[in-house]
Amino acid sequence: MQESQRRIRLIFKARLNKLFILMHLILLLGIKSLSEENVVEIGRVAHFFSKISVAVVELKKPLKVGDTVAFKGPTTDFEQTVDSMQIEHEDVQKAEAGQSIGLKVVQRVRETDIVYKKL
């Protein structure tokens, strides 16, 4: 019984390692395909308010209402148009690098997801 359990554990670990490597490669290929498009990293998700579906994004580059953004992470991958954003509970039309904004999102995002702007 001990030997069969040990073999099962080894097989499980080997398959789990292969799955992890495959997921990592898919993630890398997804990010690489973004670089082939005209996109630029503009920030990262700092927090997500699930009940109101709002992401707090710390910006590295400017962003304005009407821009198309893409959220990418290990389990996140979608695009949307910026319909509204706020700074300190005030609606704004554009935000500059270094600011944190509240951005209404159409899907769940996770902290540390990367935000890209399509050019």
N, C-alpha and C. Protein backbone atom coordinates (compact mmCIF):
# COMPACT_ATOMS: atom_id res chain seq x y z
N MET A 1 0.82 -1.19 0.00
CA MET A 1 0.00 0.00 0.00
C MET A 1 0.87 1.26 0.00
N GLN A 2 1.91 1.28 0.80
CA GLN A 2 2.81 2.43 0.89
C GLN A 2 3.46 2.73 -0.45
N GLU A 3 3.91 1.68 -1.14
CA GLU A 3 4.59 1.86 -2.42
C GLU A 3 3.65 2.43 -3.47
N SER A 4 2.42 1.95 -3.51
CA SER A 4 1.46 2.47 -4.49
C SER A 4 1.11 3.93 -4.20
N GLN A 5 1.00 4.28 -2.93
CA GLN A 5 0.72 5.67 -2.58
C GLN A 5 1.89 6.58 -2.98
N ARG A 6 3.10 6.09 -2.77
CA ARG A 6 4.28 6.87 -3.15
C ARG A 6 4.31 7.08 -4.66
N ARG A 7 4.00 6.05 -5.43
CA ARG A 7 3.98 6.17 -6.90
C ARG A 7 2.91 7.16 -7.35
N ILE A 8 1.75 7.11 -6.73
CA ILE A 8 0.66 8.03 -7.08
C ILE A 8 1.09 9.47 -6.81
N ARG A 9 1.72 9.69 -5.67
CA ARG A 9 2.20 11.03 -5.33
C ARG A 9 3.23 11.52 -6.33
N LEU A 10 4.16 10.66 -6.73
CA LEU A 10 5.18 11.05 -7.71
C LEU A 10 4.55 11.39 -9.05
N ILE A 11 3.60 10.57 -9.49
CA ILE A 11 2.92 10.84 -10.76
C ILE A 11 2.16 12.15 -10.67
N PHE A 12 1.47 12.38 -9.56
CA PHE A 12 0.70 13.61 -9.37
C PHE A 12 1.62 14.82 -9.40
N LYS A 13 2.76 14.74 -8.69
CA LYS A 13 3.70 15.86 -8.67
C LYS A 13 4.25 16.13 -10.07
N ALA A 14 4.59 15.08 -10.82
CA ALA A 14 5.13 15.25 -12.16
C ALA A 14 4.10 15.92 -13.07
N ARG A 15 2.84 15.49 -12.98
CA ARG A 15 1.79 16.10 -13.82
C ARG A 15 1.50 17.53 -13.39
N LEU A 16 1.56 17.80 -12.10
CA LEU A 16 1.34 19.15 -11.60
C LEU A 16 2.45 20.07 -12.08
N ASN A 17 3.69 19.59 -12.06
CA ASN A 17 4.81 20.39 -12.56
C ASN A 17 4.65 20.68 -14.05
N LYS A 18 4.23 19.69 -14.83
CA LYS A 18 4.01 19.90 -16.25
C LYS A 18 2.89 20.92 -16.48
N LEU A 19 1.83 20.83 -15.69
CA LEU A 19 0.73 21.78 -15.80
C LEU A 19 1.19 23.19 -15.47
N PHE A 20 2.00 23.33 -14.42
CA PHE A 20 2.51 24.65 -14.04
C PHE A 20 3.37 25.23 -15.16
N ILE A 21 4.23 24.43 -15.74
CA ILE A 21 5.09 24.88 -16.83
C ILE A 21 4.25 25.28 -18.03
N LEU A 22 3.23 24.50 -18.35
CA LEU A 22 2.35 24.81 -19.48
C LEU A 22 1.61 26.13 -19.24
N MET A 23 1.08 26.32 -18.04
CA MET A 23 0.38 27.56 -17.72
C MET A 23 1.34 28.76 -17.81
N HIS A 24 2.56 28.59 -17.35
CA HIS A 24 3.55 29.65 -17.41
C HIS A 24 3.86 30.02 -18.86
N LEU A 25 4.01 29.01 -19.71
CA LEU A 25 4.28 29.27 -21.12
C LEU A 25 3.11 29.98 -21.79
N ILE A 26 1.90 29.58 -21.46
CA ILE A 26 0.72 30.24 -22.02
C ILE A 26 0.70 31.70 -21.60
N LEU A 27 1.00 31.96 -20.34
CA LEU A 27 1.04 33.34 -19.85
C LEU A 27 2.10 34.15 -20.60
N LEU A 28 3.28 33.57 -20.75
CA LEU A 28 4.34 34.26 -21.46
C LEU A 28 3.97 34.53 -22.91
N LEU A 29 3.36 33.56 -23.56
CA LEU A 29 2.96 33.75 -24.95
C LEU A 29 1.87 34.80 -25.05
N GLY A 30 0.96 34.84 -24.09
CA GLY A 30 -0.09 35.86 -24.10
C GLY A 30 0.49 37.24 -23.97
N ILE A 31 1.46 37.43 -23.10
CA ILE A 31 2.08 38.74 -22.94
C ILE A 31 2.90 39.08 -24.19
N LYS A 32 3.54 38.08 -24.76
CA LYS A 32 4.32 38.34 -25.97
C LYS A 32 3.41 38.79 -27.10
N SER A 33 2.23 38.18 -27.22
CA SER A 33 1.33 38.59 -28.30
C SER A 33 0.85 40.02 -28.08
N LEU A 34 0.77 40.46 -26.82
CA LEU A 34 0.42 41.85 -26.55
C LEU A 34 1.49 42.79 -27.10
N SER A 35 2.76 42.42 -26.97
CA SER A 35 3.82 43.29 -27.43
C SER A 35 3.82 43.40 -28.96
N GLU A 36 3.27 42.39 -29.63
CA GLU A 36 3.17 42.47 -31.08
C GLU A 36 2.07 43.43 -31.50
N GLU A 37 1.04 43.58 -30.65
CA GLU A 37 0.02 44.58 -30.91
C GLU A 37 0.60 45.93 -30.46
N ASN A 38 -0.11 46.99 -30.77
CA ASN A 38 0.33 48.30 -30.32
C ASN A 38 -0.28 48.58 -28.95
N VAL A 39 0.39 48.11 -27.90
CA VAL A 39 -0.08 48.33 -26.54
C VAL A 39 1.08 48.81 -25.69
N VAL A 40 0.73 49.50 -24.60
CA VAL A 40 1.74 49.96 -23.67
C VAL A 40 1.22 49.72 -22.25
N GLU A 41 2.11 49.27 -21.37
CA GLU A 41 1.71 49.06 -19.98
C GLU A 41 1.46 50.42 -19.34
N ILE A 42 0.28 50.56 -18.72
CA ILE A 42 -0.04 51.85 -18.10
C ILE A 42 -0.20 51.76 -16.59
N GLY A 43 -0.24 50.55 -16.03
CA GLY A 43 -0.37 50.45 -14.58
C GLY A 43 -0.65 49.04 -14.11
N ARG A 44 -0.98 48.98 -12.80
CA ARG A 44 -1.29 47.71 -12.16
C ARG A 44 -2.51 47.88 -11.27
N VAL A 45 -3.23 46.79 -11.12
CA VAL A 45 -4.40 46.80 -10.23
C VAL A 45 -3.89 46.72 -8.79
N ALA A 46 -4.27 47.70 -7.98
CA ALA A 46 -3.87 47.73 -6.57
C ALA A 46 -4.93 47.11 -5.68
N HIS A 47 -6.20 47.20 -6.10
CA HIS A 47 -7.30 46.65 -5.30
C HIS A 47 -8.51 46.46 -6.19
N PHE A 48 -9.41 45.57 -5.78
CA PHE A 48 -10.65 45.34 -6.52
C PHE A 48 -11.82 45.29 -5.55
N PHE A 49 -12.82 46.11 -5.81
CA PHE A 49 -14.05 46.12 -5.02
C PHE A 49 -15.09 45.30 -5.77
N SER A 50 -15.29 44.06 -5.32
CA SER A 50 -16.12 43.12 -6.08
C SER A 50 -17.59 43.50 -6.12
N LYS A 51 -18.13 44.07 -5.04
CA LYS A 51 -19.57 44.38 -5.02
C LYS A 51 -19.94 45.46 -6.03
N ILE A 52 -19.05 46.41 -6.26
CA ILE A 52 -19.35 47.49 -7.21
C ILE A 52 -18.54 47.35 -8.50
N SER A 53 -17.73 46.30 -8.59
CA SER A 53 -16.92 45.99 -9.77
C SER A 53 -16.05 47.17 -10.19
N VAL A 54 -15.28 47.66 -9.22
CA VAL A 54 -14.37 48.78 -9.47
C VAL A 54 -12.95 48.36 -9.11
N ALA A 55 -12.02 48.65 -10.03
CA ALA A 55 -10.61 48.37 -9.80
C ALA A 55 -9.89 49.67 -9.44
N VAL A 56 -9.02 49.60 -8.47
CA VAL A 56 -8.12 50.71 -8.18
C VAL A 56 -6.85 50.44 -8.98
N VAL A 57 -6.53 51.36 -9.88
CA VAL A 57 -5.37 51.18 -10.76
C VAL A 57 -4.36 52.27 -10.45
N GLU A 58 -3.12 51.86 -10.18
CA GLU A 58 -2.03 52.80 -10.00
C GLU A 58 -1.39 53.01 -11.37
N LEU A 59 -1.51 54.23 -11.87
CA LEU A 59 -1.07 54.52 -13.24
C LEU A 59 0.42 54.82 -13.34
N LYS A 60 1.03 54.30 -14.41
CA LYS A 60 2.41 54.64 -14.78
C LYS A 60 2.42 55.57 -15.99
N LYS A 61 1.31 55.60 -16.72
CA LYS A 61 1.16 56.42 -17.93
C LYS A 61 -0.23 57.06 -17.89
N PRO A 62 -0.45 58.13 -18.66
CA PRO A 62 -1.77 58.78 -18.68
C PRO A 62 -2.86 57.87 -19.26
N LEU A 63 -4.11 58.15 -18.87
CA LEU A 63 -5.27 57.41 -19.34
C LEU A 63 -6.44 58.37 -19.41
N LYS A 64 -7.32 58.18 -20.42
CA LYS A 64 -8.49 59.04 -20.52
C LYS A 64 -9.73 58.20 -20.85
N VAL A 65 -10.89 58.77 -20.56
CA VAL A 65 -12.14 58.11 -20.89
C VAL A 65 -12.20 57.92 -22.40
N GLY A 66 -12.63 56.73 -22.82
CA GLY A 66 -12.68 56.40 -24.24
C GLY A 66 -11.54 55.51 -24.70
N ASP A 67 -10.44 55.46 -23.93
CA ASP A 67 -9.31 54.58 -24.27
C ASP A 67 -9.73 53.12 -24.12
N THR A 68 -9.09 52.25 -24.88
CA THR A 68 -9.30 50.81 -24.73
C THR A 68 -8.15 50.25 -23.91
N VAL A 69 -8.50 49.51 -22.86
CA VAL A 69 -7.50 48.93 -21.97
C VAL A 69 -7.65 47.41 -21.96
N ALA A 70 -6.56 46.74 -21.63
CA ALA A 70 -6.54 45.29 -21.49
C ALA A 70 -6.00 44.95 -20.12
N PHE A 71 -6.66 44.03 -19.44
CA PHE A 71 -6.21 43.54 -18.13
C PHE A 71 -5.64 42.15 -18.35
N LYS A 72 -4.40 41.95 -17.90
CA LYS A 72 -3.73 40.67 -18.08
C LYS A 72 -3.14 40.22 -16.75
N GLY A 73 -3.32 38.94 -16.45
CA GLY A 73 -2.75 38.34 -15.26
C GLY A 73 -2.81 36.83 -15.39
N PRO A 74 -2.40 36.11 -14.36
CA PRO A 74 -2.42 34.65 -14.44
C PRO A 74 -3.81 34.08 -14.74
N THR A 75 -4.87 34.73 -14.23
CA THR A 75 -6.23 34.24 -14.47
C THR A 75 -7.12 35.32 -15.08
N THR A 76 -6.55 36.42 -15.49
CA THR A 76 -7.32 37.54 -16.05
C THR A 76 -6.84 37.83 -17.45
N ASP A 77 -7.79 38.04 -18.37
CA ASP A 77 -7.42 38.35 -19.75
C ASP A 77 -8.65 38.88 -20.47
N PHE A 78 -8.84 40.20 -20.47
CA PHE A 78 -9.95 40.79 -21.19
C PHE A 78 -9.64 42.24 -21.53
N GLU A 79 -10.42 42.77 -22.47
CA GLU A 79 -10.29 44.16 -22.89
C GLU A 79 -11.61 44.87 -22.66
N GLN A 80 -11.53 46.18 -22.47
CA GLN A 80 -12.74 46.99 -22.36
C GLN A 80 -12.41 48.44 -22.67
N THR A 81 -13.45 49.20 -22.95
CA THR A 81 -13.30 50.64 -23.14
C THR A 81 -13.51 51.32 -21.80
N VAL A 82 -12.72 52.35 -21.53
CA VAL A 82 -12.87 53.11 -20.29
C VAL A 82 -14.10 53.99 -20.43
N ASP A 83 -15.16 53.64 -19.69
CA ASP A 83 -16.40 54.42 -19.74
C ASP A 83 -16.44 55.48 -18.66
N SER A 84 -15.86 55.17 -17.50
CA SER A 84 -15.83 56.16 -16.42
C SER A 84 -14.68 55.84 -15.49
N MET A 85 -14.15 56.88 -14.88
CA MET A 85 -13.11 56.70 -13.88
C MET A 85 -13.21 57.85 -12.89
N GLN A 86 -12.71 57.59 -11.67
CA GLN A 86 -12.79 58.57 -10.61
C GLN A 86 -11.45 58.69 -9.89
N ILE A 87 -11.23 59.89 -9.36
CA ILE A 87 -10.12 60.14 -8.45
C ILE A 87 -10.74 60.79 -7.21
N GLU A 88 -10.55 60.14 -6.06
CA GLU A 88 -11.12 60.64 -4.81
C GLU A 88 -12.63 60.89 -4.94
N HIS A 89 -13.35 59.93 -5.52
CA HIS A 89 -14.82 59.95 -5.67
C HIS A 89 -15.33 61.05 -6.58
N GLU A 90 -14.46 61.64 -7.38
CA GLU A 90 -14.86 62.67 -8.35
C GLU A 90 -14.63 62.13 -9.76
N ASP A 91 -15.65 62.21 -10.63
CA ASP A 91 -15.49 61.78 -12.01
C ASP A 91 -14.43 62.64 -12.70
N VAL A 92 -13.57 61.98 -13.46
CA VAL A 92 -12.55 62.68 -14.23
C VAL A 92 -12.55 62.14 -15.65
N GLN A 93 -12.12 62.96 -16.59
CA GLN A 93 -12.04 62.56 -18.00
C GLN A 93 -10.66 62.00 -18.34
N LYS A 94 -9.62 62.44 -17.59
CA LYS A 94 -8.29 61.90 -17.82
C LYS A 94 -7.51 61.90 -16.51
N ALA A 95 -6.50 61.03 -16.46
CA ALA A 95 -5.64 60.90 -15.27
C ALA A 95 -4.20 60.79 -15.75
N GLU A 96 -3.31 61.27 -14.92
CA GLU A 96 -1.89 61.31 -15.27
C GLU A 96 -1.12 60.19 -14.55
N ALA A 97 0.10 59.96 -15.00
CA ALA A 97 0.98 58.98 -14.37
C ALA A 97 1.19 59.35 -12.91
N GLY A 98 1.22 58.35 -12.04
CA GLY A 98 1.42 58.56 -10.62
C GLY A 98 0.12 58.65 -9.83
N GLN A 99 -1.00 58.79 -10.52
CA GLN A 99 -2.28 58.87 -9.82
C GLN A 99 -2.89 57.48 -9.68
N SER A 100 -3.72 57.32 -8.65
CA SER A 100 -4.52 56.10 -8.46
C SER A 100 -5.95 56.45 -8.83
N ILE A 101 -6.54 55.61 -9.67
CA ILE A 101 -7.90 55.87 -10.13
C ILE A 101 -8.82 54.71 -9.78
N GLY A 102 -10.09 55.02 -9.67
CA GLY A 102 -11.12 53.99 -9.58
C GLY A 102 -11.69 53.81 -10.97
N LEU A 103 -11.66 52.57 -11.47
CA LEU A 103 -12.07 52.28 -12.83
C LEU A 103 -13.14 51.20 -12.81
N LYS A 104 -14.32 51.51 -13.34
CA LYS A 104 -15.40 50.52 -13.45
C LYS A 104 -14.98 49.47 -14.46
N VAL A 105 -15.03 48.18 -14.06
CA VAL A 105 -14.59 47.10 -14.95
C VAL A 105 -15.74 46.13 -15.22
N VAL A 106 -15.65 45.45 -16.36
CA VAL A 106 -16.72 44.55 -16.78
C VAL A 106 -16.53 43.12 -16.28
N GLN A 107 -15.33 42.81 -15.79
CA GLN A 107 -15.05 41.48 -15.23
C GLN A 107 -14.21 41.64 -13.97
N ARG A 108 -14.10 40.54 -13.24
CA ARG A 108 -13.29 40.54 -12.04
C ARG A 108 -11.82 40.70 -12.41
N VAL A 109 -11.09 41.50 -11.64
CA VAL A 109 -9.65 41.62 -11.79
C VAL A 109 -9.00 41.27 -10.45
N ARG A 110 -7.72 41.04 -10.49
CA ARG A 110 -6.99 40.67 -9.27
C ARG A 110 -5.87 41.67 -9.02
N GLU A 111 -5.53 41.80 -7.76
CA GLU A 111 -4.42 42.68 -7.41
C GLU A 111 -3.17 42.19 -8.13
N THR A 112 -2.40 43.10 -8.60
CA THR A 112 -1.16 42.91 -9.38
C THR A 112 -1.41 42.56 -10.85
N ASP A 113 -2.67 42.45 -11.31
CA ASP A 113 -2.90 42.32 -12.75
C ASP A 113 -2.30 43.54 -13.43
N ILE A 114 -1.77 43.34 -14.61
CA ILE A 114 -1.17 44.44 -15.36
C ILE A 114 -2.23 45.04 -16.28
N VAL A 115 -2.23 46.36 -16.39
CA VAL A 115 -3.18 47.07 -17.24
C VAL A 115 -2.41 47.67 -18.42
N TYR A 116 -2.90 47.39 -19.63
CA TYR A 116 -2.29 47.88 -20.86
C TYR A 116 -3.28 48.80 -21.56
N LYS A 117 -2.76 49.78 -22.31
CA LYS A 117 -3.60 50.63 -23.16
C LYS A 117 -3.29 50.29 -24.60
N LYS A 118 -4.36 50.07 -25.37
CA LYS A 118 -4.19 49.82 -26.81
C LYS A 118 -4.02 51.16 -27.51
N LEU A 119 -3.02 51.23 -28.37
CA LEU A 119 -2.73 52.47 -29.09
C LEU A 119 -3.46 52.53 -30.41
